Amino acid sequence: MALHFAREDGIASSPYAENLFLIRWLAQAQKQKRFPKSVAVDIEWLLEKGRKQGPAGKLKQHLEYLWQSCSGDVIAQSDLFRLTFATEYLKDQGWNNEVMSEREWLSGRFTESESNQNGFYAEKSALNAAYSEKGKQLHALECRLTGQVNIFMDTLKKYGLITHRAASDSQYHPVMLTPNK
């Protein structure tokens, strides 16, 4: 709401001014202790991101994501939002996650420590191409998993995402994430 009013007043009329407004607003909210301690780490992270990266840090989008994930029904959100939410959940459970370059992806190699841990990996350009600007999944996306594949698939299912397991390789398990029809 504060950002909306700042735009109307001409205070946040450019990406730079918007970022500066959000940094100041978050810093004041932190100083005044407007939010519970449980979100203090998130506020600190947002402030650091906004200060270091400027408008490229996409502070507004991160705030919208936090708002939606804390206040709305996750299942009602876009495919990409639900995948991001599931990814964050798995990372909180100790899973490794990496978006790989095309070269890394084509090598298909995982270190022995990666092969023995829970992890999921996607190729960057395939991930970007699989989703529309609005977060709708357009086509199947291959993920490579190490560790407990069923936990990954069950977690994605819990968030309304469809997965299909393909034939396994000795180092990883290919899992296809397919669009809802």
Protein backbone atom coordinates (compact mmCIF):
# COMPACT_ATOMS: atom_id res chain seq x y z
CA MET A 1 0.00 0.00 0.00
CA ALA A 2 2.79 2.39 0.92
CA LEU A 3 4.45 1.86 -2.47
CA HIS A 4 1.16 2.45 -4.25
CA PHE A 5 0.68 5.77 -2.44
CA ALA A 6 4.32 6.73 -3.11
CA ARG A 7 3.73 6.16 -6.83
CA GLU A 8 0.59 8.29 -6.77
CA ASP A 9 2.52 11.06 -5.02
CA GLY A 10 5.34 10.84 -7.59
CA ILE A 11 7.88 9.71 -4.98
CA ALA A 12 8.47 6.29 -6.60
CA SER A 13 8.23 7.15 -10.28
CA SER A 14 11.22 5.17 -11.56
CA PRO A 15 12.76 1.78 -10.75
CA TYR A 16 15.60 3.51 -8.88
CA ALA A 17 13.18 5.67 -6.84
CA GLU A 18 10.97 2.64 -6.15
CA ASN A 19 13.95 0.65 -4.86
CA LEU A 20 15.08 3.56 -2.67
CA PHE A 21 11.55 4.01 -1.27
CA LEU A 22 11.29 0.29 -0.43
CA ILE A 23 14.71 0.28 1.27
CA ARG A 24 13.76 3.29 3.39
CA TRP A 25 10.35 1.81 4.21
CA LEU A 26 11.84 -1.55 5.23
CA ALA A 27 14.57 0.12 7.30
CA GLN A 28 11.96 2.17 9.15
CA ALA A 29 9.74 -0.88 9.66
CA GLN A 30 12.77 -2.71 11.07
CA LYS A 31 13.66 0.18 13.37
CA GLN A 32 10.07 0.54 14.61
CA LYS A 33 9.70 -3.24 14.98
CA ARG A 34 6.47 -3.29 12.94
CA PHE A 35 6.79 -6.99 12.23
CA PRO A 36 7.33 -10.05 14.45
CA LYS A 37 10.87 -11.27 15.13
CA SER A 38 10.20 -14.28 12.92
CA VAL A 39 10.50 -12.08 9.81
CA ALA A 40 13.53 -10.07 10.97
CA VAL A 41 15.88 -12.27 8.92
CA ASP A 42 13.74 -11.77 5.81
CA ILE A 43 13.70 -7.99 6.27
CA GLU A 44 17.48 -7.92 6.74
CA TRP A 45 17.91 -10.05 3.58
CA LEU A 46 15.62 -7.73 1.60
CA LEU A 47 17.47 -4.64 2.81
CA GLU A 48 20.85 -6.12 1.90
CA LYS A 49 19.61 -7.21 -1.53
CA GLY A 50 18.08 -3.80 -2.26
CA ARG A 51 21.17 -1.90 -1.11
CA LYS A 52 23.70 -4.05 -2.95
CA GLN A 53 21.84 -4.75 -6.18
CA GLY A 54 19.64 -1.68 -6.57
CA PRO A 55 16.69 -2.08 -8.94
CA ALA A 56 18.27 -5.27 -10.35
CA GLY A 57 17.61 -6.88 -6.94
CA LYS A 58 13.87 -6.89 -7.77
CA LEU A 59 12.88 -5.90 -4.24
CA LYS A 60 9.23 -5.36 -5.17
CA GLN A 61 8.94 -8.87 -6.67
CA HIS A 62 10.54 -10.41 -3.58
CA LEU A 63 8.13 -8.56 -1.33
CA GLU A 64 5.18 -9.70 -3.45
CA TYR A 65 6.42 -13.29 -3.27
CA LEU A 66 6.73 -13.12 0.52
CA TRP A 67 3.26 -11.59 0.80
CA GLN A 68 1.65 -14.21 -1.43
CA SER A 69 3.44 -17.12 0.23
CA CYS A 70 2.42 -15.96 3.70
CA SER A 71 -1.10 -14.73 3.08
CA GLY A 72 -2.64 -16.70 0.24
CA ASP A 73 -3.44 -20.19 -0.88
CA VAL A 74 -0.25 -21.45 -2.53
CA ILE A 75 -2.19 -23.86 -4.76
CA ALA A 76 -4.07 -20.91 -6.30
CA GLN A 77 -0.78 -19.32 -7.43
CA SER A 78 1.00 -19.75 -10.79
CA ASP A 79 2.93 -22.89 -11.70
CA LEU A 80 6.28 -21.12 -11.35
CA PHE A 81 5.32 -19.65 -7.97
CA ARG A 82 4.36 -23.12 -6.69
CA LEU A 83 7.61 -24.60 -8.02
CA THR A 84 9.56 -21.82 -6.29
CA PHE A 85 7.63 -22.42 -3.07
CA ALA A 86 8.28 -26.18 -3.25
CA THR A 87 11.96 -25.49 -3.99
CA GLU A 88 12.25 -23.27 -0.91
CA TYR A 89 10.55 -25.91 1.22
CA LEU A 90 12.96 -28.63 0.03
CA LYS A 91 15.99 -26.37 0.54
CA ASP A 92 14.79 -25.74 4.10
CA GLN A 93 14.75 -29.54 4.53
CA GLY A 94 18.44 -29.72 3.55
CA TRP A 95 18.10 -30.46 -0.14
CA ASN A 96 20.69 -29.16 -2.60
CA ASN A 97 19.33 -27.18 -5.52
CA GLU A 98 21.16 -25.82 -8.51
CA VAL A 99 20.30 -24.27 -11.84
CA MET A 100 23.06 -25.48 -14.14
CA SER A 101 24.61 -23.95 -17.24
CA GLU A 102 24.17 -25.83 -20.51
CA ARG A 103 27.77 -27.07 -20.30
CA GLU A 104 27.30 -28.40 -16.76
CA TRP A 105 24.00 -30.00 -17.73
CA LEU A 106 25.43 -31.72 -20.81
CA SER A 107 28.33 -33.16 -18.82
CA GLY A 108 25.76 -35.04 -16.74
CA ARG A 109 28.31 -35.59 -14.01
CA PHE A 110 27.75 -35.19 -10.32
CA THR A 111 30.39 -35.40 -7.65
CA GLU A 112 30.24 -38.37 -5.32
CA SER A 113 29.07 -36.16 -2.45
CA GLU A 114 26.27 -34.72 -4.65
CA SER A 115 25.21 -38.23 -5.71
CA ASN A 116 24.82 -39.28 -2.07
CA GLN A 117 22.77 -36.26 -0.96
CA ASN A 118 19.21 -35.18 -1.65
CA GLY A 119 19.35 -32.71 -4.49
CA PHE A 120 17.55 -31.51 -7.59
CA TYR A 121 18.97 -29.78 -10.62
CA ALA A 122 17.64 -28.08 -13.75
CA GLU A 123 19.24 -26.56 -16.81
CA LYS A 124 18.89 -22.77 -16.83
CA SER A 125 17.73 -22.13 -20.40
CA ALA A 126 15.26 -25.05 -20.25
CA LEU A 127 13.86 -23.71 -16.97
CA ASN A 128 13.45 -20.21 -18.42
CA ALA A 129 11.82 -21.56 -21.59
CA ALA A 130 9.40 -23.83 -19.69
CA TYR A 131 7.47 -20.93 -18.10
CA SER A 132 5.64 -17.92 -19.49
CA GLU A 133 6.11 -14.37 -18.17
CA LYS A 134 3.07 -14.94 -15.96
CA GLY A 135 4.48 -18.17 -14.51
CA LYS A 136 2.38 -20.68 -16.44
CA GLN A 137 4.22 -23.86 -17.35
CA LEU A 138 4.30 -24.17 -21.14
CA HIS A 139 6.03 -27.53 -21.60
CA ALA A 140 7.77 -30.34 -19.73
CA LEU A 141 10.92 -29.61 -17.76
CA GLU A 142 13.49 -32.27 -16.94
CA CYS A 143 14.94 -32.23 -13.44
CA ARG A 144 17.77 -34.46 -12.30
CA LEU A 145 17.54 -35.78 -8.78
CA THR A 146 19.91 -37.36 -6.37
CA GLY A 147 18.83 -38.99 -3.14
CA GLN A 148 15.23 -39.66 -2.17
CA VAL A 149 13.25 -39.13 -5.37
CA ASN A 150 9.89 -40.02 -3.81
CA ILE A 151 10.16 -37.18 -1.27
CA PHE A 152 10.78 -34.72 -4.12
CA MET A 153 7.83 -36.04 -6.14
CA ASP A 154 5.50 -36.09 -3.11
CA THR A 155 6.47 -32.51 -2.22
CA LEU A 156 5.78 -31.23 -5.72
CA LYS A 157 2.47 -33.12 -5.77
CA LYS A 158 1.51 -31.41 -2.49
CA TYR A 159 1.85 -28.08 -4.33
CA GLY A 160 -0.23 -29.21 -7.31
CA LEU A 161 2.70 -29.95 -9.62
CA ILE A 162 2.82 -33.06 -11.80
CA THR A 163 5.96 -35.19 -12.03
CA HIS A 164 6.83 -38.36 -13.92
CA ARG A 165 9.88 -40.46 -13.17
CA ALA A 166 11.98 -41.59 -16.13
CA ALA A 167 14.52 -44.40 -16.34
CA SER A 168 17.35 -43.90 -13.84
CA ASP A 169 20.99 -43.28 -14.50
CA SER A 170 23.60 -44.47 -12.03
CA GLN A 171 24.39 -40.89 -10.88
CA TYR A 172 20.95 -39.29 -10.92
CA HIS A 173 17.23 -39.90 -11.50
CA PRO A 174 15.54 -37.95 -14.31
CA VAL A 175 12.10 -36.60 -13.34
CA MET A 176 9.87 -34.72 -15.78
CA LEU A 177 7.80 -31.84 -14.43
CA THR A 178 4.81 -31.60 -16.76
CA PRO A 179 2.22 -28.84 -17.21
CA ASN A 180 -1.29 -29.16 -15.79
CA LYS A 181 -3.75 -29.49 -18.65
